[in-house]
Protein backbone atom coordinates (compact mmCIF):
# COMPACT_ATOMS: atom_id res chain seq x y z
CA MET A 1 82.58 96.10 103.13
CA LYS A 2 83.32 99.37 104.93
CA LEU A 3 86.62 101.12 104.33
CA THR A 4 87.90 100.76 107.90
CA THR A 5 87.02 97.06 108.03
CA ARG A 6 88.77 96.34 104.74
CA ILE A 7 91.87 98.29 105.76
CA LEU A 8 92.07 96.46 109.10
CA LEU A 9 91.81 93.14 107.26
CA ILE A 10 94.56 94.10 104.84
CA LEU A 11 96.76 95.34 107.69
CA THR A 12 96.36 92.02 109.49
CA LEU A 13 97.31 90.12 106.34
CA SER A 14 100.22 92.49 105.71
CA PHE A 15 101.67 91.98 109.20
CA CYS A 16 101.51 88.21 108.60
CA VAL A 17 103.40 88.70 105.32
CA ILE A 18 105.97 90.86 107.09
CA ALA A 19 106.53 88.27 109.81
CA SER A 20 106.88 85.54 107.20
CA ALA A 21 109.26 87.61 105.07
CA GLU A 22 111.43 88.46 108.07
CA ALA A 23 111.57 84.81 109.08
CA GLN A 24 112.61 83.84 105.56
CA ASN A 25 115.17 86.64 105.39
CA GLY A 26 116.75 85.31 108.57
CA GLU A 27 117.44 82.05 106.76
CA LYS A 28 118.14 83.49 103.30
CA THR A 29 121.80 82.87 102.65
CA ARG A 30 121.63 81.99 98.96
CA ARG A 31 123.09 84.30 96.35
CA PHE A 32 121.19 86.49 93.89
CA SER A 33 119.90 84.15 91.18
CA THR A 34 116.79 85.45 89.36
CA ILE A 35 115.48 88.75 88.04
CA VAL A 36 112.20 89.33 86.23
CA ILE A 37 112.21 92.19 83.71
CA ASP A 38 108.81 93.52 82.75
CA ALA A 39 108.46 95.55 79.54
CA GLY A 40 105.46 97.74 80.34
CA HIS A 41 102.34 97.65 78.13
CA GLY A 42 102.23 95.60 74.88
CA GLY A 43 99.78 94.26 72.33
CA LYS A 44 96.48 96.13 72.37
CA ASP A 45 97.90 98.42 75.07
CA PRO A 46 100.41 100.75 73.37
CA GLY A 47 101.09 102.89 76.44
CA CYS A 48 101.89 106.52 75.74
CA HIS A 49 102.94 107.56 72.25
CA TRP A 50 104.17 110.41 70.11
CA GLY A 51 103.47 110.06 66.42
CA THR A 52 104.78 106.66 65.37
CA LYS A 53 106.87 106.27 68.54
CA LEU A 54 105.09 103.90 70.95
CA GLU A 55 105.99 103.38 74.59
CA LYS A 56 105.46 99.62 74.38
CA ASP A 57 108.14 99.32 71.70
CA LEU A 58 110.75 101.34 73.58
CA ASN A 59 110.05 99.51 76.84
CA LEU A 60 110.54 96.13 75.15
CA LYS A 61 113.72 97.22 73.38
CA VAL A 62 115.24 98.38 76.67
CA ALA A 63 114.09 95.25 78.54
CA LEU A 64 115.61 92.85 76.02
CA GLU A 65 118.93 94.68 75.82
CA LEU A 66 119.14 94.95 79.61
CA GLY A 67 118.48 91.24 79.97
CA ARG A 68 121.12 90.42 77.36
CA ARG A 69 123.74 92.44 79.22
CA ILE A 70 122.85 90.87 82.57
CA THR A 71 123.12 87.36 81.10
CA GLU A 72 126.47 88.19 79.53
CA ALA A 73 127.95 89.74 82.67
CA TYR A 74 126.36 87.43 85.26
CA PRO A 75 125.77 84.00 83.66
CA GLU A 76 124.70 82.61 87.03
CA VAL A 77 121.70 84.97 87.10
CA LYS A 78 118.53 83.78 85.38
CA VAL A 79 116.71 86.51 83.45
CA ILE A 80 112.97 86.07 82.93
CA TYR A 81 110.88 88.41 80.79
CA THR A 82 107.16 89.00 81.21
CA ARG A 83 107.05 89.44 77.42
CA THR A 84 109.57 89.17 74.60
CA ASP A 85 107.31 90.40 71.80
CA ASP A 86 104.31 92.64 71.21
CA THR A 87 101.98 90.72 73.50
CA PHE A 88 99.34 92.01 75.93
CA ILE A 89 100.02 90.68 79.43
CA GLU A 90 97.57 91.45 82.23
CA LEU A 91 98.99 93.44 85.12
CA HIS A 92 98.37 90.80 87.78
CA GLU A 93 99.99 88.12 85.60
CA ARG A 94 103.26 90.07 85.41
CA GLY A 95 103.70 89.82 89.18
CA ARG A 96 102.65 86.18 89.17
CA ILE A 97 105.39 85.39 86.67
CA ALA A 98 107.92 86.75 89.17
CA ASN A 99 106.35 84.89 92.08
CA ARG A 100 106.28 81.56 90.26
CA ALA A 101 109.94 81.99 89.38
CA GLY A 102 110.89 82.73 92.99
CA ALA A 103 112.62 85.86 91.70
CA ASP A 104 114.91 87.99 93.84
CA LEU A 105 113.98 91.20 92.03
CA PHE A 106 111.21 92.57 89.79
CA LEU A 107 111.80 95.52 87.44
CA SER A 108 108.96 97.03 85.40
CA ILE A 109 110.16 99.37 82.64
CA HIS A 110 108.02 102.30 81.45
CA THR A 111 108.10 105.72 79.80
CA ASP A 112 106.16 108.64 81.28
CA ALA A 113 103.68 111.06 79.68
CA VAL A 114 101.60 114.05 80.77
CA GLY A 115 99.56 116.76 79.09
CA ASN A 116 102.21 119.35 79.92
CA ASN A 117 105.05 118.76 77.45
CA THR A 118 107.54 120.70 79.59
CA ALA A 119 107.54 117.98 82.27
CA ASN A 120 110.69 115.88 82.01
CA GLY A 121 112.95 113.50 83.89
CA SER A 122 113.23 109.94 85.14
CA SER A 123 111.62 108.51 88.28
CA THR A 124 111.33 105.14 89.98
CA TYR A 125 108.46 103.98 92.17
CA ILE A 126 107.86 101.37 94.84
CA MET A 127 104.45 100.27 96.08
CA GLY A 128 102.94 102.76 98.50
CA ILE A 129 101.01 105.98 98.95
CA ASP A 130 102.72 109.29 98.24
CA LYS A 131 101.25 112.64 99.26
CA SER A 132 102.06 114.13 95.86
CA GLU A 133 98.99 114.48 93.65
CA LYS A 134 101.23 114.30 90.58
CA ASN A 135 102.61 110.90 91.64
CA LEU A 136 99.06 109.59 92.06
CA GLU A 137 98.20 110.80 88.56
CA VAL A 138 101.13 108.81 87.13
CA ALA A 139 99.95 105.68 88.96
CA GLN A 140 96.38 106.17 87.76
CA ARG A 141 97.60 106.43 84.18
CA GLU A 142 99.71 103.28 84.43
CA ASN A 143 96.83 101.43 86.14
CA SER A 144 94.23 102.56 83.59
CA VAL A 145 95.16 99.67 81.30
CA VAL A 146 93.38 97.39 83.75
CA VAL A 147 90.04 98.18 82.09
CA LEU A 148 91.27 96.26 79.02
CA GLU A 149 91.22 93.09 81.10
CA GLY A 150 87.44 92.97 81.25
CA ASP A 151 86.66 91.36 84.63
CA TYR A 152 89.28 93.46 86.42
CA GLN A 153 87.14 94.07 89.53
CA GLU A 154 87.04 90.35 90.22
CA LYS A 155 90.75 89.82 89.50
CA TYR A 156 91.82 92.77 91.63
CA GLU A 157 89.35 92.19 94.49
CA GLY A 158 86.99 95.07 93.82
CA TYR A 159 89.60 97.53 92.57
CA ASP A 160 88.10 100.75 91.26
CA PRO A 161 90.46 103.12 89.37
CA ASP A 162 88.46 106.10 90.62
CA SER A 163 88.25 105.05 94.28
CA PRO A 164 90.73 106.45 96.88
CA GLU A 165 89.95 103.39 99.02
CA SER A 166 91.48 101.12 96.38
CA TYR A 167 94.78 102.99 96.48
CA ILE A 168 94.93 102.89 100.28
CA ILE A 169 94.37 99.12 100.33
CA PHE A 170 96.83 98.28 97.55
CA SER A 171 99.51 100.47 99.11
CA LEU A 172 99.63 98.21 102.16
CA MET A 173 100.43 95.02 100.28
CA GLN A 174 104.13 95.62 99.50
CA TYR A 175 105.20 96.78 102.95
CA ALA A 176 107.20 93.63 103.70
CA HIS A 177 109.57 94.45 100.84
CA ALA A 178 109.53 98.24 101.06
CA GLU A 179 113.11 98.55 102.28
CA GLY A 180 114.63 96.41 99.54
CA SER A 181 112.41 98.01 96.92
CA MET A 182 113.42 101.54 97.93
CA ALA A 183 117.10 100.59 98.03
CA PHE A 184 116.87 99.37 94.43
CA ALA A 185 114.80 102.39 93.35
CA GLU A 186 117.45 104.75 94.74
CA MET A 187 120.19 102.80 92.97
CA ILE A 188 118.36 103.20 89.66
CA GLN A 189 117.95 106.94 90.12
CA LYS A 190 121.60 107.29 91.16
CA HIS A 191 122.78 105.54 88.01
CA TYR A 192 120.37 107.47 85.80
CA ALA A 193 121.95 110.65 87.16
CA LYS A 194 125.47 109.27 86.70
CA ASN A 195 125.03 107.86 83.18
CA THR A 196 122.39 109.99 81.44
CA THR A 197 121.50 113.64 80.87
CA ILE A 198 117.85 113.07 81.81
CA ALA A 199 116.72 115.03 84.88
CA ASN A 200 116.46 113.04 88.12
CA ARG A 201 112.95 113.21 89.64
CA GLY A 202 113.89 110.74 92.40
CA ALA A 203 112.66 107.52 93.97
CA MET A 204 109.07 107.66 95.24
CA GLN A 205 106.03 105.65 96.25
CA GLY A 206 102.95 104.99 94.15
CA PRO A 207 99.98 102.56 94.15
CA TYR A 208 100.86 100.49 91.06
CA LEU A 209 98.84 97.37 90.28
CA VAL A 210 101.79 95.73 88.52
CA LEU A 211 103.69 95.79 91.84
CA TRP A 212 100.65 94.76 93.90
CA ARG A 213 101.40 91.15 94.80
CA THR A 214 105.06 90.68 93.96
CA ALA A 215 106.67 88.61 96.71
CA MET A 216 110.09 90.26 96.37
CA PRO A 217 111.56 93.78 96.11
CA ALA A 218 109.86 95.36 93.08
CA VAL A 219 109.98 98.72 91.33
CA LEU A 220 108.46 100.50 88.35
CA THR A 221 110.79 102.89 86.57
CA GLU A 222 109.80 105.73 84.23
CA MET A 223 112.85 106.31 82.01
CA GLY A 224 111.75 109.75 80.87
CA PHE A 225 108.80 111.56 79.26
CA MET A 226 107.57 110.59 75.81
CA THR A 227 105.72 113.92 75.81
CA ASN A 228 108.91 115.95 76.33
CA LYS A 229 110.87 116.62 73.13
CA LYS A 230 114.30 116.48 74.79
CA ASP A 231 113.59 113.27 76.73
CA ARG A 232 111.90 111.64 73.73
CA GLU A 233 114.75 112.32 71.36
CA TYR A 234 117.33 111.22 73.93
CA LEU A 235 115.58 107.92 74.67
CA HIS A 236 115.20 107.11 70.98
CA SER A 237 118.78 108.03 70.07
CA GLU A 238 121.36 105.25 69.97
CA ALA A 239 123.59 107.00 72.52
CA GLY A 240 120.74 107.84 74.89
CA PHE A 241 119.26 104.34 74.65
CA ASN A 242 122.60 102.73 75.51
CA LYS A 243 123.17 105.04 78.45
CA VAL A 244 119.73 104.35 79.91
CA VAL A 245 120.31 100.61 79.57
CA LYS A 246 123.72 101.01 81.20
CA ALA A 247 122.15 102.89 84.11
CA LEU A 248 119.66 100.09 84.69
CA PHE A 249 122.37 97.44 84.25
CA ASP A 250 124.63 99.18 86.79
CA ALA A 251 121.75 99.43 89.27
CA VAL A 252 120.96 95.71 88.92
CA GLY A 253 124.65 94.93 89.41
CA GLU A 254 124.84 97.05 92.54
CA TYR A 255 121.70 95.42 93.96
CA ARG A 256 123.08 91.97 93.13
CA ASP A 257 126.29 92.79 94.99
CA MET A 258 124.35 94.09 97.99
CA PHE A 259 122.14 90.97 98.01
CA ASN A 260 125.13 88.63 97.86
CA ALA A 261 127.06 90.56 100.50
CA LYS A 262 124.10 90.33 102.85
CA ALA A 263 123.93 86.58 102.35
CA GLU A 264 127.64 86.32 103.10
CA LEU A 265 127.23 88.46 106.23
CA LEU A 266 124.48 86.17 107.48
CA VAL A 267 126.75 83.17 106.99
CA ALA A 268 129.63 85.01 108.65
CA GLY A 269 127.44 86.03 111.57
CA ALA A 270 126.25 82.48 112.14
CA ALA A 271 129.83 81.22 111.89
CA GLU A 272 130.99 83.87 114.35
CA ALA A 273 128.38 82.82 116.90
CA LYS A 274 129.38 79.18 116.46
CA ASP A 275 133.06 80.03 116.82
CA LYS A 276 132.42 81.83 120.11
CA GLU A 277 130.87 78.68 121.54
CA SER A 278 134.08 76.77 120.98
CA ALA A 279 136.48 79.68 121.57
CA ALA A 280 137.52 78.32 124.98
CA THR A 281 139.01 75.18 123.44
CA THR A 282 139.62 76.11 119.81
CA PRO A 283 141.88 79.03 118.83
CA VAL A 284 140.43 81.17 116.05
CA ALA A 285 142.80 82.16 113.25
CA THR A 286 142.79 85.79 112.19
CA PRO A 287 141.44 86.13 108.62
CA THR A 288 143.52 88.11 106.17
CA VAL A 289 142.86 89.84 102.88
CA THR A 290 145.27 90.28 100.01
CA SER A 291 143.72 93.59 98.97
CA THR A 292 142.04 96.46 100.81
CA GLU A 293 140.40 97.83 97.69
CA GLY A 294 136.87 99.07 98.45
CA LEU A 295 137.30 98.91 102.23
CA ALA A 296 136.78 101.95 104.40
CA ALA A 297 139.86 103.06 106.35
CA GLU A 298 138.35 102.06 109.68
CA ASP A 299 137.78 98.53 108.38
CA VAL A 300 141.48 97.86 107.83
CA VAL A 301 143.54 96.87 110.86
CA ALA A 302 146.81 98.74 111.29
CA LYS A 303 149.77 96.89 109.86
CA ALA A 304 151.32 94.54 112.39
CA GLU A 305 154.98 94.84 113.35
CA GLY A 306 157.04 93.51 110.45
CA ALA A 307 153.99 92.50 108.39
CA THR A 308 153.72 93.24 104.70
CA ALA A 309 150.81 95.15 103.15
CA GLU A 310 149.43 91.86 101.82
CA GLU A 311 149.24 90.43 105.37
CA ARG A 312 146.99 93.08 106.89
CA PRO A 313 144.16 91.29 108.71
CA TYR A 314 140.58 92.32 107.89
CA GLU A 315 138.28 92.68 110.90
CA GLY A 316 135.12 91.91 108.94
CA PRO A 317 131.81 93.80 109.14
CA LYS A 318 130.86 96.11 112.00
CA TYR A 319 127.55 95.35 113.69
CA TYR A 320 124.97 97.83 114.97
CA VAL A 321 121.34 98.01 116.02
CA GLN A 322 119.31 100.64 114.19
CA ILE A 323 116.65 102.02 116.52
CA CYS A 324 115.08 104.67 114.29
CA THR A 325 115.45 107.00 111.31
CA LEU A 326 115.15 110.78 111.69
CA SER A 327 114.56 113.53 109.16
CA LYS A 328 117.40 115.64 110.62
CA HIS A 329 120.52 115.21 112.73
CA SER A 330 119.91 115.34 116.50
CA ASP A 331 121.95 115.78 119.65
CA PRO A 332 123.12 112.24 120.54
CA ASN A 333 122.40 113.06 124.19
CA ASP A 334 118.77 113.91 123.44
CA GLY A 335 116.33 112.17 125.78
CA LYS A 336 114.34 110.73 122.88
CA PHE A 337 117.10 108.13 122.45
CA GLY A 338 116.19 106.70 125.86
CA PRO A 339 118.81 104.39 127.38
CA TYR A 340 120.95 104.79 124.25
CA LYS A 341 121.52 108.53 124.49
CA GLY A 342 125.22 109.25 124.32
CA ARG A 343 125.82 105.94 122.53
CA ILE A 344 123.97 106.85 119.36
CA GLU A 345 125.77 107.26 116.06
CA GLN A 346 123.99 109.02 113.20
CA VAL A 347 124.73 108.34 109.54
CA GLN A 348 123.05 110.22 106.71
CA THR A 349 121.40 108.12 103.98
CA SER A 350 121.26 108.84 100.26
CA THR A 351 117.75 110.26 100.72
CA GLY A 352 118.87 112.82 103.33
CA SER A 353 117.42 111.09 106.40
CA TRP A 354 119.56 110.06 109.37
CA ARG A 355 120.10 106.44 110.41
CA CYS A 356 120.36 106.22 114.24
CA ILE A 357 122.47 103.22 115.25
CA VAL A 358 123.93 101.77 118.44
CA PRO A 359 127.30 100.00 117.98
CA ALA A 360 127.78 96.40 119.06
CA GLY A 361 130.99 94.45 119.47
CA SER A 362 129.86 91.37 117.52
CA PHE A 363 126.95 89.82 115.68
CA GLU A 364 125.94 87.92 118.81
CA GLU A 365 126.05 91.09 120.91
CA ALA A 366 124.03 92.95 118.27
CA CYS A 367 121.31 90.28 118.41
CA GLN A 368 121.14 90.60 122.20
CA LEU A 369 121.08 94.39 121.95
CA GLN A 370 118.28 94.26 119.38
CA ALA A 371 116.13 92.14 121.70
CA GLU A 372 116.71 94.66 124.48
CA ALA A 373 116.16 97.70 122.25
CA ALA A 374 112.85 96.34 120.94
CA GLY A 375 111.33 97.14 124.33
CA HIS A 376 112.04 100.84 123.79
CA PHE A 377 112.02 100.97 119.99
CA PRO A 378 109.75 98.21 118.55
CA GLY A 379 111.15 98.61 115.04
CA ALA A 380 114.81 98.11 116.04
CA PHE A 381 116.82 95.73 113.87
CA VAL A 382 120.41 94.54 113.35
CA VAL A 383 122.53 96.05 110.58
CA ALA A 384 126.04 95.28 109.42
CA ARG A 385 128.38 97.87 107.97
CA GLU A 386 131.03 96.94 105.45
CA SER A 387 132.84 99.80 103.75
CA ASP A 388 130.16 102.42 103.05
CA TYR A 389 127.23 100.00 102.93
CA PHE A 390 124.74 99.23 105.69
CA ARG A 391 122.88 95.97 105.31
CA ARG A 392 119.89 94.90 107.36
CA LEU A 393 120.17 91.40 108.83
């Protein structure tokens, strides 16, 4: 099959997946319940190594300790491992384990290696194509284990490790979960930087077979370089090991909180719309909070006359419609914002880009605004802001 024909077919399938995922997300109000932790390599596939130190052993040690900490801190969260011992698991089967479990998150743990032993640092990847040749080399190395599976071309629909076409096709398959995957990848890198002394190489895209068909946000993290003396010694030290595990644990916790908050916002938004229908006959009580910890100043209503600090009412999330993302800040009156020029607010993300949003007075108004904005900006979607977090609805 010709390249263009195959890509068009994959694009068509991908758009169907996106539509399905968005429909499910609109109804997804359950809380975070399942994570799959994948210890990279195993069995006859040792991964990278340095002397007697094998990547597969370090990956497994980190995976098991991370899972133990998650279970201890969040007993309601089910932790599933792709392997718990020195077993060879095929790449496609790792994703299938997550899909069968209906997991909310997939984390594949690895250690990097290159011929140049000065290269160092941690990095986290989501499924996609990156322009960096170095990133492609990392993906090719991690994917090279596929040849141990024997009939890999049949299992991976004609995949050829040496074919650029293969990487283009596989990069299209995770698009429906790209936003959630990148959010988690950035959290991991943020906590690596906060907890460890390993250099931060950032969150990136790469065509990884282990992420190919995961039906949830999924990332592959490289904790550091086995081929770099400083990274290697840090990862294998007790202190370094514990700090890397803590970084991953903190990232999972942050993602869990974001996931649960989004579910709660969806419930709140639906309740708000329902309340408005009966507002003419039923008075709505003002909700209050007993603590303003973690809330941005603008999210706390000024203290009412004679009210105590504990009685300050909380307005709830702020709703917006995001119409686009820009690489740099722009004049809000620029004509490229169309009918929303002058109304645009721009907020910088952790990656340096600028989120362009139009404020709405309520969830219901945001939904109406999104339908209108889609005519000018097809990718427009509703977001809710609570404290410093923006969550797509």
